[in-house]
């Protein structure tokens, strides 16, 4: 088994991320929403891939602001 590589997600990964999202969630994010999140400066997206193989998972972190009134 090859080592698992964790790296930042790239725009080229988007089709695979959409595929994974749809296979894992009934109410999956739309491709446009995932693409916008990948491009956002307040987001961090990481993917997991065995060596040079296909992406097998991903994590998306969004920094949100909270305002208390």
PDB file of N, CA and C in Angstrom:
ATOM      1  N   UNK A   1       0.850  -1.182   0.000  1.00  0.00           N
ATOM      2  CA  UNK A   1       0.000   0.000   0.000  1.00  0.00           C
ATOM      3  C   UNK A   1       0.888   1.234   0.000  1.00  0.00           C
ATOM      4  N   UNK A   2       0.565   2.191  -0.859  1.00  0.00           N
ATOM      5  CA  UNK A   2       1.376   3.395  -0.942  1.00  0.00           C
ATOM      6  C   UNK A   2       0.994   4.372   0.172  1.00  0.00           C
ATOM      7  N   UNK A   3       1.905   5.287   0.436  1.00  0.00           N
ATOM      8  CA  UNK A   3       1.686   6.282   1.490  1.00  0.00           C
ATOM      9  C   UNK A   3       0.558   7.224   1.082  1.00  0.00           C
ATOM     10  N   UNK A   4      -0.158   7.690   2.060  1.00  0.00           N
ATOM     11  CA  UNK A   4      -1.257   8.623   1.823  1.00  0.00           C
ATOM     12  C   UNK A   4      -0.696  10.034   1.813  1.00  0.00           C
ATOM     13  N   UNK A   5      -0.970  10.756   0.772  1.00  0.00           N
ATOM     14  CA  UNK A   5      -0.519  12.144   0.635  1.00  0.00           C
ATOM     15  C   UNK A   5      -1.673  13.077   0.974  1.00  0.00           C
ATOM     16  N   UNK A   6      -1.410  14.046   1.850  1.00  0.00           N
ATOM     17  CA  UNK A   6      -2.363  15.107   2.173  1.00  0.00           C
ATOM     18  C   UNK A   6      -1.803  16.379   1.555  1.00  0.00           C
ATOM     19  N   UNK A   7      -2.608  17.020   0.726  1.00  0.00           N
ATOM     20  CA  UNK A   7      -2.141  18.232   0.040  1.00  0.00           C
ATOM     21  C   UNK A   7      -3.302  19.190  -0.158  1.00  0.00           C
ATOM     22  N   UNK A   8      -2.988  20.460  -0.433  1.00  0.00           N
ATOM     23  CA  UNK A   8      -4.065  21.408  -0.725  1.00  0.00           C
ATOM     24  C   UNK A   8      -4.829  20.975  -1.976  1.00  0.00           C
ATOM     25  N   UNK A   9      -6.126  21.190  -1.975  1.00  0.00           N
ATOM     26  CA  UNK A   9      -6.951  20.880  -3.143  1.00  0.00           C
ATOM     27  C   UNK A   9      -6.648  21.879  -4.252  1.00  0.00           C
ATOM     28  N   UNK A  10      -6.714  21.401  -5.471  1.00  0.00           N
ATOM     29  CA  UNK A  10      -6.493  22.228  -6.650  1.00  0.00           C
ATOM     30  C   UNK A  10      -7.791  22.331  -7.445  1.00  0.00           C
ATOM     31  N   UNK A  11      -7.879  23.327  -8.297  1.00  0.00           N
ATOM     32  CA  UNK A  11      -9.062  23.467  -9.139  1.00  0.00           C
ATOM     33  C   UNK A  11      -9.279  22.213  -9.984  1.00  0.00           C
ATOM     34  N   UNK A  12      -8.196  21.563 -10.395  1.00  0.00           N
ATOM     35  CA  UNK A  12      -8.296  20.331 -11.185  1.00  0.00           C
ATOM     36  C   UNK A  12      -8.935  19.186 -10.403  1.00  0.00           C
ATOM     37  N   UNK A  13      -8.957  19.281  -9.081  1.00  0.00           N
ATOM     38  CA  UNK A  13      -9.561  18.244  -8.240  1.00  0.00           C
ATOM     39  C   UNK A  13     -11.082  18.361  -8.163  1.00  0.00           C
ATOM     40  N   UNK A  14     -11.635  19.475  -8.612  1.00  0.00           N
ATOM     41  CA  UNK A  14     -13.062  19.742  -8.420  1.00  0.00           C
ATOM     42  C   UNK A  14     -13.984  18.617  -8.914  1.00  0.00           C
ATOM     43  N   UNK A  15     -13.803  18.091 -10.123  1.00  0.00           N
ATOM     44  CA  UNK A  15     -14.718  17.013 -10.545  1.00  0.00           C
ATOM     45  C   UNK A  15     -14.712  15.812  -9.585  1.00  0.00           C
ATOM     46  N   UNK A  16     -13.560  15.450  -9.069  1.00  0.00           N
ATOM     47  CA  UNK A  16     -13.486  14.320  -8.133  1.00  0.00           C
ATOM     48  C   UNK A  16     -14.126  14.691  -6.798  1.00  0.00           C
ATOM     49  N   UNK A  17     -13.945  15.929  -6.343  1.00  0.00           N
ATOM     50  CA  UNK A  17     -14.554  16.353  -5.086  1.00  0.00           C
ATOM     51  C   UNK A  17     -16.077  16.328  -5.201  1.00  0.00           C
ATOM     52  N   UNK A  18     -16.589  16.749  -6.335  1.00  0.00           N
ATOM     53  CA  UNK A  18     -18.040  16.706  -6.566  1.00  0.00           C
ATOM     54  C   UNK A  18     -18.520  15.256  -6.532  1.00  0.00           C
ATOM     55  N   UNK A  19     -17.787  14.371  -7.171  1.00  0.00           N
ATOM     56  CA  UNK A  19     -18.140  12.946  -7.175  1.00  0.00           C
ATOM     57  C   UNK A  19     -18.167  12.382  -5.756  1.00  0.00           C
ATOM     58  N   UNK A  20     -17.138  12.694  -4.974  1.00  0.00           N
ATOM     59  CA  UNK A  20     -17.083  12.218  -3.591  1.00  0.00           C
ATOM     60  C   UNK A  20     -18.214  12.804  -2.756  1.00  0.00           C
ATOM     61  N   UNK A  21     -18.473  14.084  -2.938  1.00  0.00           N
ATOM     62  CA  UNK A  21     -19.535  14.758  -2.185  1.00  0.00           C
ATOM     63  C   UNK A  21     -20.887  14.109  -2.481  1.00  0.00           C
ATOM     64  N   UNK A  22     -21.160  13.852  -3.735  1.00  0.00           N
ATOM     65  CA  UNK A  22     -22.441  13.244  -4.124  1.00  0.00           C
ATOM     66  C   UNK A  22     -22.574  11.803  -3.650  1.00  0.00           C
ATOM     67  N   UNK A  23     -21.462  11.091  -3.582  1.00  0.00           N
ATOM     68  CA  UNK A  23     -21.525   9.696  -3.130  1.00  0.00           C
ATOM     69  C   UNK A  23     -21.686   9.595  -1.615  1.00  0.00           C
ATOM     70  N   UNK A  24     -21.357  10.661  -0.905  1.00  0.00           N
ATOM     71  CA  UNK A  24     -21.395  10.606   0.544  1.00  0.00           C
ATOM     72  C   UNK A  24     -22.562  11.305   1.212  1.00  0.00           C
ATOM     73  N   UNK A  25     -23.215  12.207   0.490  1.00  0.00           N
ATOM     74  CA  UNK A  25     -24.265  13.015   1.103  1.00  0.00           C
ATOM     75  C   UNK A  25     -25.484  13.112   0.202  1.00  0.00           C
ATOM     76  N   UNK A  26     -26.639  12.878   0.764  1.00  0.00           N
ATOM     77  CA  UNK A  26     -27.878  13.006   0.009  1.00  0.00           C
ATOM     78  C   UNK A  26     -28.117  14.461  -0.395  1.00  0.00           C
ATOM     79  N   UNK A  27     -27.815  15.386   0.503  1.00  0.00           N
ATOM     80  CA  UNK A  27     -27.950  16.820   0.227  1.00  0.00           C
ATOM     81  C   UNK A  27     -26.557  17.402  -0.012  1.00  0.00           C
ATOM     82  N   UNK A  28     -25.915  16.939  -1.074  1.00  0.00           N
ATOM     83  CA  UNK A  28     -24.532  17.325  -1.377  1.00  0.00           C
ATOM     84  C   UNK A  28     -24.444  18.772  -1.851  1.00  0.00           C
ATOM     85  N   UNK A  29     -23.272  19.368  -1.627  1.00  0.00           N
ATOM     86  CA  UNK A  29     -23.013  20.698  -2.153  1.00  0.00           C
ATOM     87  C   UNK A  29     -23.015  20.631  -3.678  1.00  0.00           C
ATOM     88  N   UNK A  30     -23.488  21.671  -4.323  1.00  0.00           N
ATOM     89  CA  UNK A  30     -23.449  21.771  -5.779  1.00  0.00           C
ATOM     90  C   UNK A  30     -22.011  22.006  -6.232  1.00  0.00           C
ATOM     91  N   UNK A  31     -21.729  21.628  -7.467  1.00  0.00           N
ATOM     92  CA  UNK A  31     -20.386  21.811  -8.020  1.00  0.00           C
ATOM     93  C   UNK A  31     -19.958  23.272  -7.972  1.00  0.00           C
ATOM     94  N   UNK A  32     -20.888  24.190  -8.253  1.00  0.00           N
ATOM     95  CA  UNK A  32     -20.541  25.617  -8.222  1.00  0.00           C
ATOM     96  C   UNK A  32     -20.183  26.071  -6.809  1.00  0.00           C
ATOM     97  N   UNK A  33     -20.895  25.567  -5.815  1.00  0.00           N
ATOM     98  CA  UNK A  33     -20.603  25.939  -4.430  1.00  0.00           C
ATOM     99  C   UNK A  33     -19.246  25.403  -3.997  1.00  0.00           C
ATOM    100  N   UNK A  34     -18.933  24.173  -4.370  1.00  0.00           N
ATOM    101  CA  UNK A  34     -17.613  23.626  -4.039  1.00  0.00           C
ATOM    102  C   UNK A  34     -16.513  24.411  -4.747  1.00  0.00           C
ATOM    103  N   UNK A  35     -16.739  24.750  -6.001  1.00  0.00           N
ATOM    104  CA  UNK A  35     -15.750  25.533  -6.750  1.00  0.00           C
ATOM    105  C   UNK A  35     -15.513  26.895  -6.131  1.00  0.00           C
ATOM    106  N   UNK A  36     -16.581  27.552  -5.711  1.00  0.00           N
ATOM    107  CA  UNK A  36     -16.446  28.858  -5.059  1.00  0.00           C
ATOM    108  C   UNK A  36     -15.704  28.729  -3.733  1.00  0.00           C
ATOM    109  N   UNK A  37     -15.969  27.660  -2.995  1.00  0.00           N
ATOM    110  CA  UNK A  37     -15.283  27.445  -1.718  1.00  0.00           C
ATOM    111  C   UNK A  37     -13.791  27.209  -1.948  1.00  0.00           C
ATOM    112  N   UNK A  38     -13.447  26.454  -2.983  1.00  0.00           N
ATOM    113  CA  UNK A  38     -12.028  26.216  -3.278  1.00  0.00           C
ATOM    114  C   UNK A  38     -11.294  27.515  -3.585  1.00  0.00           C
ATOM    115  N   UNK A  39     -11.983  28.444  -4.231  1.00  0.00           N
ATOM    116  CA  UNK A  39     -11.358  29.706  -4.640  1.00  0.00           C
ATOM    117  C   UNK A  39     -11.379  30.769  -3.547  1.00  0.00           C
ATOM    118  N   UNK A  40     -12.154  30.568  -2.496  1.00  0.00           N
ATOM    119  CA  UNK A  40     -12.312  31.592  -1.456  1.00  0.00           C
ATOM    120  C   UNK A  40     -11.056  31.699  -0.599  1.00  0.00           C
ATOM    121  N   UNK A  41     -10.684  32.924  -0.274  1.00  0.00           N
ATOM    122  CA  UNK A  41      -9.496  33.117   0.558  1.00  0.00           C
ATOM    123  C   UNK A  41      -9.749  32.774   2.021  1.00  0.00           C
ATOM    124  N   UNK A  42     -10.999  32.663   2.412  1.00  0.00           N
ATOM    125  CA  UNK A  42     -11.331  32.309   3.794  1.00  0.00           C
ATOM    126  C   UNK A  42     -11.552  30.796   3.959  1.00  0.00           C
ATOM    127  N   UNK A  43     -11.129  30.014   2.960  1.00  0.00           N
ATOM    128  CA  UNK A  43     -11.326  28.563   3.018  1.00  0.00           C
ATOM    129  C   UNK A  43      -9.998  27.837   2.861  1.00  0.00           C
ATOM    130  N   UNK A  44      -9.948  26.656   3.433  1.00  0.00           N
ATOM    131  CA  UNK A  44      -8.810  25.748   3.266  1.00  0.00           C
ATOM    132  C   UNK A  44      -9.386  24.393   2.882  1.00  0.00           C
ATOM    133  N   UNK A  45      -8.985  23.878   1.747  1.00  0.00           N
ATOM    134  CA  UNK A  45      -9.442  22.563   1.293  1.00  0.00           C
ATOM    135  C   UNK A  45      -8.224  21.659   1.153  1.00  0.00           C
ATOM    136  N   UNK A  46      -8.297  20.502   1.773  1.00  0.00           N
ATOM    137  CA  UNK A  46      -7.232  19.507   1.706  1.00  0.00           C
ATOM    138  C   UNK A  46      -7.789  18.233   1.102  1.00  0.00           C
ATOM    139  N   UNK A  47      -6.954  17.540   0.332  1.00  0.00           N
ATOM    140  CA  UNK A  47      -7.353  16.256  -0.227  1.00  0.00           C
ATOM    141  C   UNK A  47      -6.383  15.177   0.239  1.00  0.00           C
ATOM    142  N   UNK A  48      -6.890  13.940   0.246  1.00  0.00           N
ATOM    143  CA  UNK A  48      -6.076  12.773   0.568  1.00  0.00           C
ATOM    144  C   UNK A  48      -6.013  11.900  -0.675  1.00  0.00           C
ATOM    145  N   UNK A  49      -4.796  11.512  -1.047  1.00  0.00           N
ATOM    146  CA  UNK A  49      -4.605  10.656  -2.214  1.00  0.00           C
ATOM    147  C   UNK A  49      -3.463   9.691  -1.925  1.00  0.00           C
ATOM    148  N   UNK A  50      -3.646   8.403  -2.267  1.00  0.00           N
ATOM    149  CA  UNK A  50      -2.562   7.443  -2.094  1.00  0.00           C
ATOM    150  C   UNK A  50      -1.522   7.619  -3.199  1.00  0.00           C
ATOM    151  N   UNK A  51      -0.370   8.177  -2.836  1.00  0.00           N
ATOM    152  CA  UNK A  51       0.680   8.407  -3.830  1.00  0.00           C
ATOM    153  C   UNK A  51       0.190   9.308  -4.941  1.00  0.00           C
ATOM    154  N   UNK A  52       0.350   8.844  -6.183  1.00  0.00           N
ATOM    155  CA  UNK A  52      -0.092   9.628  -7.340  1.00  0.00           C
ATOM    156  C   UNK A  52      -1.489   9.207  -7.788  1.00  0.00           C
ATOM    157  N   UNK A  53      -2.214   8.492  -6.936  1.00  0.00           N
ATOM    158  CA  UNK A  53      -3.531   7.988  -7.305  1.00  0.00           C
ATOM    159  C   UNK A  53      -4.625   9.020  -7.175  1.00  0.00           C
ATOM    160  N   UNK A  54      -5.837   8.566  -7.424  1.00  0.00           N
ATOM    161  CA  UNK A  54      -7.020   9.424  -7.333  1.00  0.00           C
ATOM    162  C   UNK A  54      -7.262   9.890  -5.903  1.00  0.00           C
ATOM    163  N   UNK A  55      -7.843  11.048  -5.788  1.00  0.00           N
ATOM    164  CA  UNK A  55      -8.255  11.587  -4.492  1.00  0.00           C
ATOM    165  C   UNK A  55      -9.302  10.653  -3.895  1.00  0.00           C
ATOM    166  N   UNK A  56      -9.113  10.274  -2.626  1.00  0.00           N
ATOM    167  CA  UNK A  56     -10.061   9.368  -1.967  1.00  0.00           C
ATOM    168  C   UNK A  56     -10.864  10.059  -0.865  1.00  0.00           C
ATOM    169  N   UNK A  57     -10.513  11.294  -0.560  1.00  0.00           N
ATOM    170  CA  UNK A  57     -11.242  12.029   0.461  1.00  0.00           C
ATOM    171  C   UNK A  57     -10.799  13.481   0.483  1.00  0.00           C
ATOM    172  N   UNK A  58     -11.621  14.305   1.135  1.00  0.00           N
ATOM    173  CA  UNK A  58     -11.250  15.715   1.251  1.00  0.00           C
ATOM    174  C   UNK A  58     -11.862  16.316   2.500  1.00  0.00           C
ATOM    175  N   UNK A  59     -11.272  17.423   2.922  1.00  0.00           N
ATOM    176  CA  UNK A  59     -11.789  18.194   4.049  1.00  0.00           C
ATOM    177  C   UNK A  59     -11.826  19.657   3.619  1.00  0.00           C
ATOM    178  N   UNK A  60     -12.892  20.320   3.972  1.00  0.00           N
ATOM    179  CA  UNK A  60     -13.053  21.730   3.621  1.00  0.00           C
ATOM    180  C   UNK A  60     -13.320  22.507   4.900  1.00  0.00           C
ATOM    181  N   UNK A  61     -12.471  23.479   5.159  1.00  0.00           N
ATOM    182  CA  UNK A  61     -12.589  24.313   6.356  1.00  0.00           C
ATOM    183  C   UNK A  61     -12.915  25.730   5.908  1.00  0.00           C
ATOM    184  N   UNK A  62     -13.955  26.311   6.479  1.00  0.00           N
ATOM    185  CA  UNK A  62     -14.356  27.684   6.162  1.00  0.00           C
ATOM    186  C   UNK A  62     -14.232  28.539   7.416  1.00  0.00           C
ATOM    187  N   UNK A  63     -13.574  29.673   7.279  1.00  0.00           N
ATOM    188  CA  UNK A  63     -13.487  30.619   8.390  1.00  0.00           C
ATOM    189  C   UNK A  63     -14.693  31.548   8.294  1.00  0.00           C
ATOM    190  N   UNK A  64     -15.499  31.540   9.314  1.00  0.00           N
ATOM    191  CA  UNK A  64     -16.705  32.350   9.333  1.00  0.00           C
ATOM    192  C   UNK A  64     -16.590  33.418  10.402  1.00  0.00           C
ATOM    193  N   UNK A  65     -17.200  34.521  10.173  1.00  0.00           N
ATOM    194  CA  UNK A  65     -17.227  35.602  11.153  1.00  0.00           C
ATOM    195  C   UNK A  65     -18.516  35.517  11.954  1.00  0.00           C
ATOM    196  N   UNK A  66     -18.399  35.764  13.208  1.00  0.00           N
ATOM    197  CA  UNK A  66     -19.579  35.803  14.067  1.00  0.00           C
ATOM    198  C   UNK A  66     -19.758  37.225  14.575  1.00  0.00           C
ATOM    199  N   UNK A  67     -20.959  37.696  14.518  1.00  0.00           N
ATOM    200  CA  UNK A  67     -21.256  39.043  15.008  1.00  0.00           C
ATOM    201  C   UNK A  67     -22.313  38.908  16.104  1.00  0.00           C
ATOM    202  N   UNK A  68     -22.004  39.453  17.262  1.00  0.00           N
ATOM    203  CA  UNK A  68     -22.955  39.463  18.365  1.00  0.00           C
ATOM    204  C   UNK A  68     -23.505  40.873  18.517  1.00  0.00           C
ATOM    205  N   UNK A  69     -24.797  41.006  18.533  1.00  0.00           N
ATOM    206  CA  UNK A  69     -25.423  42.336  18.671  1.00  0.00           C
ATOM    207  C   UNK A  69     -26.097  42.418  20.018  1.00  0.00           C
TER     208      UNK A  69
END
